[in-house]
Amino acid sequence: MNLTACRLRELREKHHFSQQKVADYLGISRTAYNKYESGAIRPTRKLDKLAALFGVSADYILGRADEIPEGRSNDPYLGEQWKKYLMLSDAGREMVDIMLDAVYKRERDMNAP
């Protein structure tokens, strides 16, 4: 097994995702994702999505970097919320984005001088 395959498996297990859950997020079959973790193929086209899902750089997944970056936040709640957001369908993420934009605008307008 190559370094990319090992890192994908470690990251998936660290985040408590099944292979099927990651495959669904990527829009591929579980069998196709399993080939990434076995080292049979490299996740070239899905690399950016994998990096976003696991909160690491593409370079880390490929073995070009040895350190996992600190990530978006050290707050575990925000990390869990981010994982939930990433696992939503495109329609679900669009709904969250619309709601977030509306609440943000309302708060900003209420606090404007």
PDB file of N, CA and C in Angstrom:
ATOM      1  N   MET A   1       0.857  -1.179   0.000  1.00  0.00           N
ATOM      2  CA  MET A   1       0.000   0.000   0.000  1.00  0.00           C
ATOM      3  C   MET A   1       0.901   1.240   0.000  1.00  0.00           C
ATOM      4  N   ASN A   2       0.580   2.214  -0.853  1.00  0.00           N
ATOM      5  CA  ASN A   2       1.398   3.431  -0.927  1.00  0.00           C
ATOM      6  C   ASN A   2       0.976   4.450   0.141  1.00  0.00           C
ATOM      7  N   LEU A   3       1.753   5.506   0.258  1.00  0.00           N
ATOM      8  CA  LEU A   3       1.521   6.502   1.302  1.00  0.00           C
ATOM      9  C   LEU A   3       0.162   7.181   1.144  1.00  0.00           C
ATOM     10  N   THR A   4      -0.225   7.495  -0.085  1.00  0.00           N
ATOM     11  CA  THR A   4      -1.530   8.126  -0.313  1.00  0.00           C
ATOM     12  C   THR A   4      -2.654   7.223   0.194  1.00  0.00           C
ATOM     13  N   ALA A   5      -2.583   5.953  -0.135  1.00  0.00           N
ATOM     14  CA  ALA A   5      -3.603   4.999   0.299  1.00  0.00           C
ATOM     15  C   ALA A   5      -3.652   4.912   1.825  1.00  0.00           C
ATOM     16  N   CYS A   6      -2.485   4.847   2.448  1.00  0.00           N
ATOM     17  CA  CYS A   6      -2.427   4.780   3.916  1.00  0.00           C
ATOM     18  C   CYS A   6      -3.036   6.021   4.556  1.00  0.00           C
ATOM     19  N   ARG A   7      -2.692   7.171   4.017  1.00  0.00           N
ATOM     20  CA  ARG A   7      -3.216   8.411   4.602  1.00  0.00           C
ATOM     21  C   ARG A   7      -4.715   8.521   4.440  1.00  0.00           C
ATOM     22  N   LEU A   8      -5.232   8.118   3.285  1.00  0.00           N
ATOM     23  CA  LEU A   8      -6.687   8.168   3.097  1.00  0.00           C
ATOM     24  C   LEU A   8      -7.400   7.285   4.110  1.00  0.00           C
ATOM     25  N   ARG A   9      -6.882   6.099   4.317  1.00  0.00           N
ATOM     26  CA  ARG A   9      -7.512   5.199   5.288  1.00  0.00           C
ATOM     27  C   ARG A   9      -7.428   5.779   6.700  1.00  0.00           C
ATOM     28  N   GLU A  10      -6.247   6.280   7.077  1.00  0.00           N
ATOM     29  CA  GLU A  10      -6.082   6.859   8.414  1.00  0.00           C
ATOM     30  C   GLU A  10      -7.013   8.045   8.618  1.00  0.00           C
ATOM     31  N   LEU A  11      -7.108   8.916   7.625  1.00  0.00           N
ATOM     32  CA  LEU A  11      -7.975  10.096   7.743  1.00  0.00           C
ATOM     33  C   LEU A  11      -9.444   9.684   7.837  1.00  0.00           C
ATOM     34  N   ARG A  12      -9.839   8.720   7.020  1.00  0.00           N
ATOM     35  CA  ARG A  12     -11.232   8.269   7.054  1.00  0.00           C
ATOM     36  C   ARG A  12     -11.578   7.677   8.413  1.00  0.00           C
ATOM     37  N   GLU A  13     -10.700   6.850   8.933  1.00  0.00           N
ATOM     38  CA  GLU A  13     -10.951   6.233  10.233  1.00  0.00           C
ATOM     39  C   GLU A  13     -10.914   7.265  11.356  1.00  0.00           C
ATOM     40  N   LYS A  14     -10.012   8.227  11.263  1.00  0.00           N
ATOM     41  CA  LYS A  14      -9.924   9.285  12.272  1.00  0.00           C
ATOM     42  C   LYS A  14     -11.240  10.072  12.354  1.00  0.00           C
ATOM     43  N   HIS A  15     -11.891  10.281  11.207  1.00  0.00           N
ATOM     44  CA  HIS A  15     -13.143  11.035  11.161  1.00  0.00           C
ATOM     45  C   HIS A  15     -14.371  10.136  11.333  1.00  0.00           C
ATOM     46  N   HIS A  16     -14.148   8.845  11.540  1.00  0.00           N
ATOM     47  CA  HIS A  16     -15.233   7.884  11.765  1.00  0.00           C
ATOM     48  C   HIS A  16     -16.209   7.826  10.594  1.00  0.00           C
ATOM     49  N   PHE A  17     -15.667   7.886   9.376  1.00  0.00           N
ATOM     50  CA  PHE A  17     -16.479   7.749   8.172  1.00  0.00           C
ATOM     51  C   PHE A  17     -16.336   6.339   7.627  1.00  0.00           C
ATOM     52  N   SER A  18     -17.393   5.811   7.084  1.00  0.00           N
ATOM     53  CA  SER A  18     -17.303   4.535   6.367  1.00  0.00           C
ATOM     54  C   SER A  18     -16.813   4.817   4.950  1.00  0.00           C
ATOM     55  N   GLN A  19     -16.325   3.783   4.288  1.00  0.00           N
ATOM     56  CA  GLN A  19     -15.938   3.955   2.889  1.00  0.00           C
ATOM     57  C   GLN A  19     -17.148   4.385   2.066  1.00  0.00           C
ATOM     58  N   GLN A  20     -18.315   3.848   2.373  1.00  0.00           N
ATOM     59  CA  GLN A  20     -19.524   4.200   1.626  1.00  0.00           C
ATOM     60  C   GLN A  20     -19.864   5.679   1.793  1.00  0.00           C
ATOM     61  N   LYS A  21     -19.710   6.203   3.009  1.00  0.00           N
ATOM     62  CA  LYS A  21     -20.028   7.612   3.263  1.00  0.00           C
ATOM     63  C   LYS A  21     -19.099   8.521   2.452  1.00  0.00           C
ATOM     64  N   VAL A  22     -17.807   8.193   2.436  1.00  0.00           N
ATOM     65  CA  VAL A  22     -16.852   8.992   1.661  1.00  0.00           C
ATOM     66  C   VAL A  22     -17.157   8.871   0.171  1.00  0.00           C
ATOM     67  N   ALA A  23     -17.454   7.662  -0.275  1.00  0.00           N
ATOM     68  CA  ALA A  23     -17.785   7.447  -1.686  1.00  0.00           C
ATOM     69  C   ALA A  23     -19.023   8.249  -2.088  1.00  0.00           C
ATOM     70  N   ASP A  24     -20.041   8.246  -1.229  1.00  0.00           N
ATOM     71  CA  ASP A  24     -21.254   9.028  -1.510  1.00  0.00           C
ATOM     72  C   ASP A  24     -20.921  10.509  -1.631  1.00  0.00           C
ATOM     73  N   TYR A  25     -20.098  11.018  -0.726  1.00  0.00           N
ATOM     74  CA  TYR A  25     -19.697  12.423  -0.759  1.00  0.00           C
ATOM     75  C   TYR A  25     -18.972  12.741  -2.064  1.00  0.00           C
ATOM     76  N   LEU A  26     -18.132  11.827  -2.515  1.00  0.00           N
ATOM     77  CA  LEU A  26     -17.359  12.048  -3.737  1.00  0.00           C
ATOM     78  C   LEU A  26     -18.178  11.814  -5.006  1.00  0.00           C
ATOM     79  N   GLY A  27     -19.318  11.147  -4.853  1.00  0.00           N
ATOM     80  CA  GLY A  27     -20.142  10.833  -6.022  1.00  0.00           C
ATOM     81  C   GLY A  27     -19.599   9.655  -6.817  1.00  0.00           C
ATOM     82  N   ILE A  28     -18.973   8.695  -6.118  1.00  0.00           N
ATOM     83  CA  ILE A  28     -18.430   7.501  -6.759  1.00  0.00           C
ATOM     84  C   ILE A  28     -18.907   6.269  -6.003  1.00  0.00           C
ATOM     85  N   SER A  29     -18.635   5.102  -6.547  1.00  0.00           N
ATOM     86  CA  SER A  29     -19.027   3.867  -5.863  1.00  0.00           C
ATOM     87  C   SER A  29     -18.060   3.563  -4.725  1.00  0.00           C
ATOM     88  N   ARG A  30     -18.511   2.736  -3.788  1.00  0.00           N
ATOM     89  CA  ARG A  30     -17.638   2.329  -2.700  1.00  0.00           C
ATOM     90  C   ARG A  30     -16.458   1.539  -3.246  1.00  0.00           C
ATOM     91  N   THR A  31     -16.696   0.750  -4.275  1.00  0.00           N
ATOM     92  CA  THR A  31     -15.624  -0.026  -4.900  1.00  0.00           C
ATOM     93  C   THR A  31     -14.554   0.896  -5.471  1.00  0.00           C
ATOM     94  N   ALA A  32     -14.971   1.974  -6.110  1.00  0.00           N
ATOM     95  CA  ALA A  32     -14.005   2.933  -6.661  1.00  0.00           C
ATOM     96  C   ALA A  32     -13.204   3.583  -5.537  1.00  0.00           C
ATOM     97  N   TYR A  33     -13.893   3.969  -4.447  1.00  0.00           N
ATOM     98  CA  TYR A  33     -13.164   4.571  -3.328  1.00  0.00           C
ATOM     99  C   TYR A  33     -12.200   3.559  -2.709  1.00  0.00           C
ATOM    100  N   ASN A  34     -12.628   2.310  -2.602  1.00  0.00           N
ATOM    101  CA  ASN A  34     -11.763   1.277  -2.037  1.00  0.00           C
ATOM    102  C   ASN A  34     -10.464   1.164  -2.827  1.00  0.00           C
ATOM    103  N   LYS A  35     -10.510   1.411  -4.114  1.00  0.00           N
ATOM    104  CA  LYS A  35      -9.295   1.367  -4.940  1.00  0.00           C
ATOM    105  C   LYS A  35      -8.327   2.489  -4.552  1.00  0.00           C
ATOM    106  N   TYR A  36      -8.847   3.620  -4.069  1.00  0.00           N
ATOM    107  CA  TYR A  36      -7.969   4.684  -3.567  1.00  0.00           C
ATOM    108  C   TYR A  36      -7.229   4.197  -2.327  1.00  0.00           C
ATOM    109  N   GLU A  37      -7.975   3.569  -1.407  1.00  0.00           N
ATOM    110  CA  GLU A  37      -7.373   3.124  -0.150  1.00  0.00           C
ATOM    111  C   GLU A  37      -6.486   1.890  -0.309  1.00  0.00           C
ATOM    112  N   SER A  38      -6.689   1.129  -1.354  1.00  0.00           N
ATOM    113  CA  SER A  38      -5.835  -0.043  -1.579  1.00  0.00           C
ATOM    114  C   SER A  38      -4.584   0.326  -2.379  1.00  0.00           C
ATOM    115  N   GLY A  39      -4.586   1.532  -2.959  1.00  0.00           N
ATOM    116  CA  GLY A  39      -3.443   1.965  -3.747  1.00  0.00           C
ATOM    117  C   GLY A  39      -3.519   1.565  -5.204  1.00  0.00           C
ATOM    118  N   ALA A  40      -4.638   0.960  -5.617  1.00  0.00           N
ATOM    119  CA  ALA A  40      -4.792   0.527  -7.004  1.00  0.00           C
ATOM    120  C   ALA A  40      -4.835   1.724  -7.953  1.00  0.00           C
ATOM    121  N   ILE A  41      -5.486   2.811  -7.503  1.00  0.00           N
ATOM    122  CA  ILE A  41      -5.528   4.041  -8.298  1.00  0.00           C
ATOM    123  C   ILE A  41      -5.344   5.237  -7.374  1.00  0.00           C
ATOM    124  N   ARG A  42      -4.913   6.364  -7.946  1.00  0.00           N
ATOM    125  CA  ARG A  42      -4.757   7.601  -7.173  1.00  0.00           C
ATOM    126  C   ARG A  42      -5.995   8.464  -7.362  1.00  0.00           C
ATOM    127  N   PRO A  43      -6.378   9.202  -6.342  1.00  0.00           N
ATOM    128  CA  PRO A  43      -7.618  10.003  -6.400  1.00  0.00           C
ATOM    129  C   PRO A  43      -7.427  11.346  -7.107  1.00  0.00           C
ATOM    130  N   THR A  44      -6.882  11.333  -8.298  1.00  0.00           N
ATOM    131  CA  THR A  44      -6.516  12.560  -8.996  1.00  0.00           C
ATOM    132  C   THR A  44      -7.670  13.546  -9.127  1.00  0.00           C
ATOM    133  N   ARG A  45      -8.793  13.101  -9.663  1.00  0.00           N
ATOM    134  CA  ARG A  45      -9.918  14.021  -9.900  1.00  0.00           C
ATOM    135  C   ARG A  45     -10.677  14.383  -8.632  1.00  0.00           C
ATOM    136  N   LYS A  46     -10.569  13.576  -7.619  1.00  0.00           N
ATOM    137  CA  LYS A  46     -11.325  13.798  -6.380  1.00  0.00           C
ATOM    138  C   LYS A  46     -10.447  14.327  -5.249  1.00  0.00           C
ATOM    139  N   LEU A  47      -9.216  14.652  -5.549  1.00  0.00           N
ATOM    140  CA  LEU A  47      -8.259  15.043  -4.519  1.00  0.00           C
ATOM    141  C   LEU A  47      -8.700  16.284  -3.741  1.00  0.00           C
ATOM    142  N   ASP A  48      -9.179  17.301  -4.434  1.00  0.00           N
ATOM    143  CA  ASP A  48      -9.610  18.527  -3.751  1.00  0.00           C
ATOM    144  C   ASP A  48     -10.783  18.267  -2.806  1.00  0.00           C
ATOM    145  N   LYS A  49     -11.738  17.444  -3.235  1.00  0.00           N
ATOM    146  CA  LYS A  49     -12.878  17.131  -2.380  1.00  0.00           C
ATOM    147  C   LYS A  49     -12.445  16.325  -1.162  1.00  0.00           C
ATOM    148  N   LEU A  50     -11.508  15.399  -1.352  1.00  0.00           N
ATOM    149  CA  LEU A  50     -11.003  14.619  -0.220  1.00  0.00           C
ATOM    150  C   LEU A  50     -10.283  15.522   0.772  1.00  0.00           C
ATOM    151  N   ALA A  51      -9.472  16.434   0.263  1.00  0.00           N
ATOM    152  CA  ALA A  51      -8.744  17.353   1.140  1.00  0.00           C
ATOM    153  C   ALA A  51      -9.724  18.208   1.946  1.00  0.00           C
ATOM    154  N   ALA A  52     -10.776  18.693   1.295  1.00  0.00           N
ATOM    155  CA  ALA A  52     -11.777  19.506   2.000  1.00  0.00           C
ATOM    156  C   ALA A  52     -12.515  18.677   3.048  1.00  0.00           C
ATOM    157  N   LEU A  53     -12.882  17.467   2.697  1.00  0.00           N
ATOM    158  CA  LEU A  53     -13.614  16.607   3.627  1.00  0.00           C
ATOM    159  C   LEU A  53     -12.801  16.330   4.885  1.00  0.00           C
ATOM    160  N   PHE A  54     -11.517  16.030   4.720  1.00  0.00           N
ATOM    161  CA  PHE A  54     -10.687  15.656   5.853  1.00  0.00           C
ATOM    162  C   PHE A  54      -9.975  16.844   6.504  1.00  0.00           C
ATOM    163  N   GLY A  55     -10.087  18.040   5.919  1.00  0.00           N
ATOM    164  CA  GLY A  55      -9.468  19.226   6.507  1.00  0.00           C
ATOM    165  C   GLY A  55      -7.953  19.214   6.431  1.00  0.00           C
ATOM    166  N   VAL A  56      -7.410  18.654   5.368  1.00  0.00           N
ATOM    167  CA  VAL A  56      -5.964  18.610   5.164  1.00  0.00           C
ATOM    168  C   VAL A  56      -5.653  19.139   3.765  1.00  0.00           C
ATOM    169  N   SER A  57      -4.383  19.285   3.473  1.00  0.00           N
ATOM    170  CA  SER A  57      -3.995  19.715   2.131  1.00  0.00           C
ATOM    171  C   SER A  57      -3.911  18.516   1.199  1.00  0.00           C
ATOM    172  N   ALA A  58      -4.045  18.785  -0.082  1.00  0.00           N
ATOM    173  CA  ALA A  58      -3.852  17.736  -1.081  1.00  0.00           C
ATOM    174  C   ALA A  58      -2.423  17.202  -0.992  1.00  0.00           C
ATOM    175  N   ASP A  59      -1.480  18.080  -0.706  1.00  0.00           N
ATOM    176  CA  ASP A  59      -0.085  17.655  -0.558  1.00  0.00           C
ATOM    177  C   ASP A  59       0.081  16.653   0.572  1.00  0.00           C
ATOM    178  N   TYR A  60      -0.663  16.823   1.657  1.00  0.00           N
ATOM    179  CA  TYR A  60      -0.591  15.863   2.753  1.00  0.00           C
ATOM    180  C   TYR A  60      -1.094  14.492   2.285  1.00  0.00           C
ATOM    181  N   ILE A  61      -2.228  14.477   1.602  1.00  0.00           N
ATOM    182  CA  ILE A  61      -2.781  13.209   1.125  1.00  0.00           C
ATOM    183  C   ILE A  61      -1.802  12.509   0.188  1.00  0.00           C
ATOM    184  N   LEU A  62      -1.160  13.268  -0.674  1.00  0.00           N
ATOM    185  CA  LEU A  62      -0.242  12.686  -1.654  1.00  0.00           C
ATOM    186  C   LEU A  62       1.130  12.346  -1.077  1.00  0.00           C
ATOM    187  N   GLY A  63       1.373  12.756   0.162  1.00  0.00           N
ATOM    188  CA  GLY A  63       2.660  12.452   0.780  1.00  0.00           C
ATOM    189  C   GLY A  63       3.732  13.486   0.510  1.00  0.00           C
ATOM    190  N   ARG A  64       3.335  14.629  -0.025  1.00  0.00           N
ATOM    191  CA  ARG A  64       4.302  15.708  -0.290  1.00  0.00           C
ATOM    192  C   ARG A  64       4.524  16.597   0.929  1.00  0.00           C
ATOM    193  N   ALA A  65       3.678  16.478   1.916  1.00  0.00           N
ATOM    194  CA  ALA A  65       3.803  17.219   3.168  1.00  0.00           C
ATOM    195  C   ALA A  65       3.636  16.226   4.300  1.00  0.00           C
ATOM    196  N   ASP A  66       4.402  16.425   5.366  1.00  0.00           N
ATOM    197  CA  ASP A  66       4.367  15.469   6.468  1.00  0.00           C
ATOM    198  C   ASP A  66       3.483  15.883   7.627  1.00  0.00           C
ATOM    199  N   GLU A  67       3.053  17.122   7.656  1.00  0.00           N
ATOM    200  CA  GLU A  67       2.273  17.602   8.786  1.00  0.00           C
ATOM    201  C   GLU A  67       0.841  17.878   8.380  1.00  0.00           C
ATOM    202  N   ILE A  68      -0.069  17.517   9.266  1.00  0.00           N
ATOM    203  CA  ILE A  68      -1.465  17.887   9.070  1.00  0.00           C
ATOM    204  C   ILE A  68      -1.613  19.318   9.561  1.00  0.00           C
ATOM    205  N   PRO A  69      -2.142  20.214   8.731  1.00  0.00           N
ATOM    206  CA  PRO A  69      -2.314  21.596   9.186  1.00  0.00           C
ATOM    207  C   PRO A  69      -3.297  21.671  10.336  1.00  0.00           C
ATOM    208  N   GLU A  70      -3.206  22.732  11.099  1.00  0.00           N
ATOM    209  CA  GLU A  70      -4.082  22.918  12.251  1.00  0.00           C
ATOM    210  C   GLU A  70      -5.558  22.875  11.869  1.00  0.00           C
ATOM    211  N   GLY A  71      -5.872  23.202  10.649  1.00  0.00           N
ATOM    212  CA  GLY A  71      -7.268  23.155  10.214  1.00  0.00           C
ATOM    213  C   GLY A  71      -7.946  24.494  10.370  1.00  0.00           C
ATOM    214  N   ARG A  72      -9.237  24.470  10.192  1.00  0.00           N
ATOM    215  CA  ARG A  72     -10.014  25.707  10.211  1.00  0.00           C
ATOM    216  C   ARG A  72     -10.150  26.280  11.607  1.00  0.00           C
ATOM    217  N   SER A  73     -10.171  25.403  12.596  1.00  0.00           N
ATOM    218  CA  SER A  73     -10.352  25.855  13.967  1.00  0.00           C
ATOM    219  C   SER A  73     -10.004  24.721  14.915  1.00  0.00           C
ATOM    220  N   ASN A  74      -9.583  25.058  16.094  1.00  0.00           N
ATOM    221  CA  ASN A  74      -9.343  24.043  17.111  1.00  0.00           C
ATOM    222  C   ASN A  74     -10.612  23.729  17.893  1.00  0.00           C
ATOM    223  N   ASP A  75     -11.712  24.404  17.588  1.00  0.00           N
ATOM    224  CA  ASP A  75     -12.986  24.188  18.260  1.00  0.00           C
ATOM    225  C   ASP A  75     -13.631  22.899  17.726  1.00  0.00           C
ATOM    226  N   PRO A  76     -13.783  21.870  18.555  1.00  0.00           N
ATOM    227  CA  PRO A  76     -14.348  20.607  18.071  1.00  0.00           C
ATOM    228  C   PRO A  76     -15.768  20.748  17.528  1.00  0.00           C
ATOM    229  N   TYR A  77     -16.564  21.646  18.115  1.00  0.00           N
ATOM    230  CA  TYR A  77     -17.932  21.855  17.634  1.00  0.00           C
ATOM    231  C   TYR A  77     -17.921  22.329  16.184  1.00  0.00           C
ATOM    232  N   LEU A  78     -17.057  23.306  15.879  1.00  0.00           N
ATOM    233  CA  LEU A  78     -16.992  23.816  14.510  1.00  0.00           C
ATOM    234  C   LEU A  78     -16.503  22.743  13.546  1.00  0.00           C
ATOM    235  N   GLY A  79     -15.585  21.919  13.996  1.00  0.00           N
ATOM    236  CA  GLY A  79     -15.106  20.833  13.155  1.00  0.00           C
ATOM    237  C   GLY A  79     -16.219  19.853  12.825  1.00  0.00           C
ATOM    238  N   GLU A  80     -17.041  19.532  13.813  1.00  0.00           N
ATOM    239  CA  GLU A  80     -18.160  18.622  13.584  1.00  0.00           C
ATOM    240  C   GLU A  80     -19.189  19.252  12.649  1.00  0.00           C
ATOM    241  N   GLN A  81     -19.449  20.548  12.843  1.00  0.00           N
ATOM    242  CA  GLN A  81     -20.405  21.230  11.968  1.00  0.00           C
ATOM    243  C   GLN A  81     -19.887  21.249  10.525  1.00  0.00           C
ATOM    244  N   TRP A  82     -18.604  21.490  10.355  1.00  0.00           N
ATOM    245  CA  TRP A  82     -18.013  21.519   9.024  1.00  0.00           C
ATOM    246  C   TRP A  82     -18.159  20.149   8.351  1.00  0.00           C
ATOM    247  N   LYS A  83     -17.913  19.069   9.099  1.00  0.00           N
ATOM    248  CA  LYS A  83     -18.061  17.723   8.538  1.00  0.00           C
ATOM    249  C   LYS A  83     -19.505  17.482   8.103  1.00  0.00           C
ATOM    250  N   LYS A  84     -20.451  17.912   8.924  1.00  0.00           N
ATOM    251  CA  LYS A  84     -21.858  17.743   8.567  1.00  0.00           C
ATOM    252  C   LYS A  84     -22.175  18.496   7.278  1.00  0.00           C
ATOM    253  N   TYR A  85     -21.689  19.725   7.182  1.00  0.00           N
ATOM    254  CA  TYR A  85     -21.926  20.542   5.990  1.00  0.00           C
ATOM    255  C   TYR A  85     -21.369  19.850   4.751  1.00  0.00           C
ATOM    256  N   LEU A  86     -20.160  19.341   4.844  1.00  0.00           N
ATOM    257  CA  LEU A  86     -19.535  18.697   3.694  1.00  0.00           C
ATOM    258  C   LEU A  86     -20.270  17.436   3.257  1.00  0.00           C
ATOM    259  N   MET A  87     -20.943  16.783   4.169  1.00  0.00           N
ATOM    260  CA  MET A  87     -21.648  15.542   3.838  1.00  0.00           C
ATOM    261  C   MET A  87     -23.041  15.786   3.263  1.00  0.00           C
ATOM    262  N   LEU A  88     -23.495  17.039   3.253  1.00  0.00           N
ATOM    263  CA  LEU A  88     -24.796  17.355   2.671  1.00  0.00           C
ATOM    264  C   LEU A  88     -24.752  17.237   1.153  1.00  0.00           C
ATOM    265  N   SER A  89     -25.920  17.051   0.567  1.00  0.00           N
ATOM    266  CA  SER A  89     -26.039  17.081  -0.892  1.00  0.00           C
ATOM    267  C   SER A  89     -25.816  18.515  -1.368  1.00  0.00           C
ATOM    268  N   ASP A  90     -25.676  18.688  -2.666  1.00  0.00           N
ATOM    269  CA  ASP A  90     -25.532  20.039  -3.211  1.00  0.00           C
ATOM    270  C   ASP A  90     -26.728  20.908  -2.832  1.00  0.00           C
ATOM    271  N   ALA A  91     -27.929  20.327  -2.898  1.00  0.00           N
ATOM    272  CA  ALA A  91     -29.136  21.078  -2.541  1.00  0.00           C
ATOM    273  C   ALA A  91     -29.127  21.442  -1.057  1.00  0.00           C
ATOM    274  N   GLY A  92     -28.681  20.525  -0.216  1.00  0.00           N
ATOM    275  CA  GLY A  92     -28.600  20.803   1.213  1.00  0.00           C
ATOM    276  C   GLY A  92     -27.607  21.908   1.522  1.00  0.00           C
ATOM    277  N   ARG A  93     -26.431  21.871   0.892  1.00  0.00           N
ATOM    278  CA  ARG A  93     -25.435  22.926   1.116  1.00  0.00           C
ATOM    279  C   ARG A  93     -25.954  24.277   0.619  1.00  0.00           C
ATOM    280  N   GLU A  94     -26.695  24.258  -0.476  1.00  0.00           N
ATOM    281  CA  GLU A  94     -27.258  25.501  -0.990  1.00  0.00           C
ATOM    282  C   GLU A  94     -28.253  26.098   0.010  1.00  0.00           C
ATOM    283  N   MET A  95     -29.069  25.244   0.629  1.00  0.00           N
ATOM    284  CA  MET A  95     -30.028  25.726   1.627  1.00  0.00           C
ATOM    285  C   MET A  95     -29.306  26.332   2.830  1.00  0.00           C
ATOM    286  N   VAL A  96     -28.255  25.661   3.296  1.00  0.00           N
ATOM    287  CA  VAL A  96     -27.481  26.178   4.434  1.00  0.00           C
ATOM    288  C   VAL A  96     -26.836  27.508   4.062  1.00  0.00           C
ATOM    289  N   ASP A  97     -26.286  27.607   2.866  1.00  0.00           N
ATOM    290  CA  ASP A  97     -25.648  28.849   2.424  1.00  0.00           C
ATOM    291  C   ASP A  97     -26.645  30.003   2.395  1.00  0.00           C
ATOM    292  N   ILE A  98     -27.837  29.746   1.890  1.00  0.00           N
ATOM    293  CA  ILE A  98     -28.870  30.782   1.822  1.00  0.00           C
ATOM    294  C   ILE A  98     -29.248  31.243   3.230  1.00  0.00           C
ATOM    295  N   MET A  99     -29.451  30.288   4.123  1.00  0.00           N
ATOM    296  CA  MET A  99     -29.821  30.616   5.502  1.00  0.00           C
ATOM    297  C   MET A  99     -28.702  31.393   6.186  1.00  0.00           C
ATOM    298  N   LEU A 100     -27.468  30.933   6.033  1.00  0.00           N
ATOM    299  CA  LEU A 100     -26.339  31.601   6.656  1.00  0.00           C
ATOM    300  C   LEU A 100     -26.195  33.031   6.144  1.00  0.00           C
ATOM    301  N   ASP A 101     -26.326  33.217   4.846  1.00  0.00           N
ATOM    302  CA  ASP A 101     -26.235  34.562   4.275  1.00  0.00           C
ATOM    303  C   ASP A 101     -27.331  35.468   4.832  1.00  0.00           C
ATOM    304  N   ALA A 102     -28.543  34.953   4.964  1.00  0.00           N
ATOM    305  CA  ALA A 102     -29.654  35.754   5.475  1.00  0.00           C
ATOM    306  C   ALA A 102     -29.437  36.146   6.938  1.00  0.00           C
ATOM    307  N   VAL A 103     -29.010  35.190   7.755  1.00  0.00           N
ATOM    308  CA  VAL A 103     -28.778  35.479   9.175  1.00  0.00           C
ATOM    309  C   VAL A 103     -27.607  36.442   9.322  1.00  0.00           C
ATOM    310  N   TYR A 104     -26.553  36.233   8.572  1.00  0.00           N
ATOM    311  CA  TYR A 104     -25.389  37.124   8.636  1.00  0.00           C
ATOM    312  C   TYR A 104     -25.786  38.552   8.263  1.00  0.00           C
ATOM    313  N   LYS A 105     -26.553  38.703   7.171  1.00  0.00           N
ATOM    314  CA  LYS A 105     -26.987  40.046   6.742  1.00  0.00           C
ATOM    315  C   LYS A 105     -27.850  40.697   7.816  1.00  0.00           C
ATOM    316  N   ARG A 106     -28.770  39.933   8.405  1.00  0.00           N
ATOM    317  CA  ARG A 106     -29.632  40.477   9.460  1.00  0.00           C
ATOM    318  C   ARG A 106     -28.808  40.959  10.650  1.00  0.00           C
ATOM    319  N   GLU A 107     -27.864  40.133  11.093  1.00  0.00           N
ATOM    320  CA  GLU A 107     -27.010  40.503  12.230  1.00  0.00           C
ATOM    321  C   GLU A 107     -26.164  41.737  11.903  1.00  0.00           C
ATOM    322  N   ARG A 108     -25.607  41.758  10.717  1.00  0.00           N
ATOM    323  CA  ARG A 108     -24.776  42.886  10.303  1.00  0.00           C
ATOM    324  C   ARG A 108     -25.608  44.171  10.261  1.00  0.00           C
ATOM    325  N   ASP A 109     -26.809  44.079   9.704  1.00  0.00           N
ATOM    326  CA  ASP A 109     -27.671  45.260   9.611  1.00  0.00           C
ATOM    327  C   ASP A 109     -28.125  45.752  10.978  1.00  0.00           C
ATOM    328  N   MET A 110     -28.359  44.820  11.911  1.00  0.00           N
ATOM    329  CA  MET A 110     -28.777  45.195  13.264  1.00  0.00           C
ATOM    330  C   MET A 110     -27.648  45.890  14.024  1.00  0.00           C
ATOM    331  N   ASN A 111     -26.432  45.536  13.725  1.00  0.00           N
ATOM    332  CA  ASN A 111     -25.295  46.100  14.442  1.00  0.00           C
ATOM    333  C   ASN A 111     -24.628  47.260  13.718  1.00  0.00           C
ATOM    334  N   ALA A 112     -25.202  47.665  12.597  1.00  0.00           N
ATOM    335  CA  ALA A 112     -24.623  48.784  11.843  1.00  0.00           C
ATOM    336  C   ALA A 112     -24.879  50.088  12.573  1.00  0.00           C
ATOM    337  N   PRO A 113     -23.918  51.011  12.512  1.00  0.00           N
ATOM    338  CA  PRO A 113     -24.106  52.309  13.202  1.00  0.00           C
ATOM    339  C   PRO A 113     -25.146  53.182  12.559  1.00  0.00           C
TER     340      PRO A 113
END
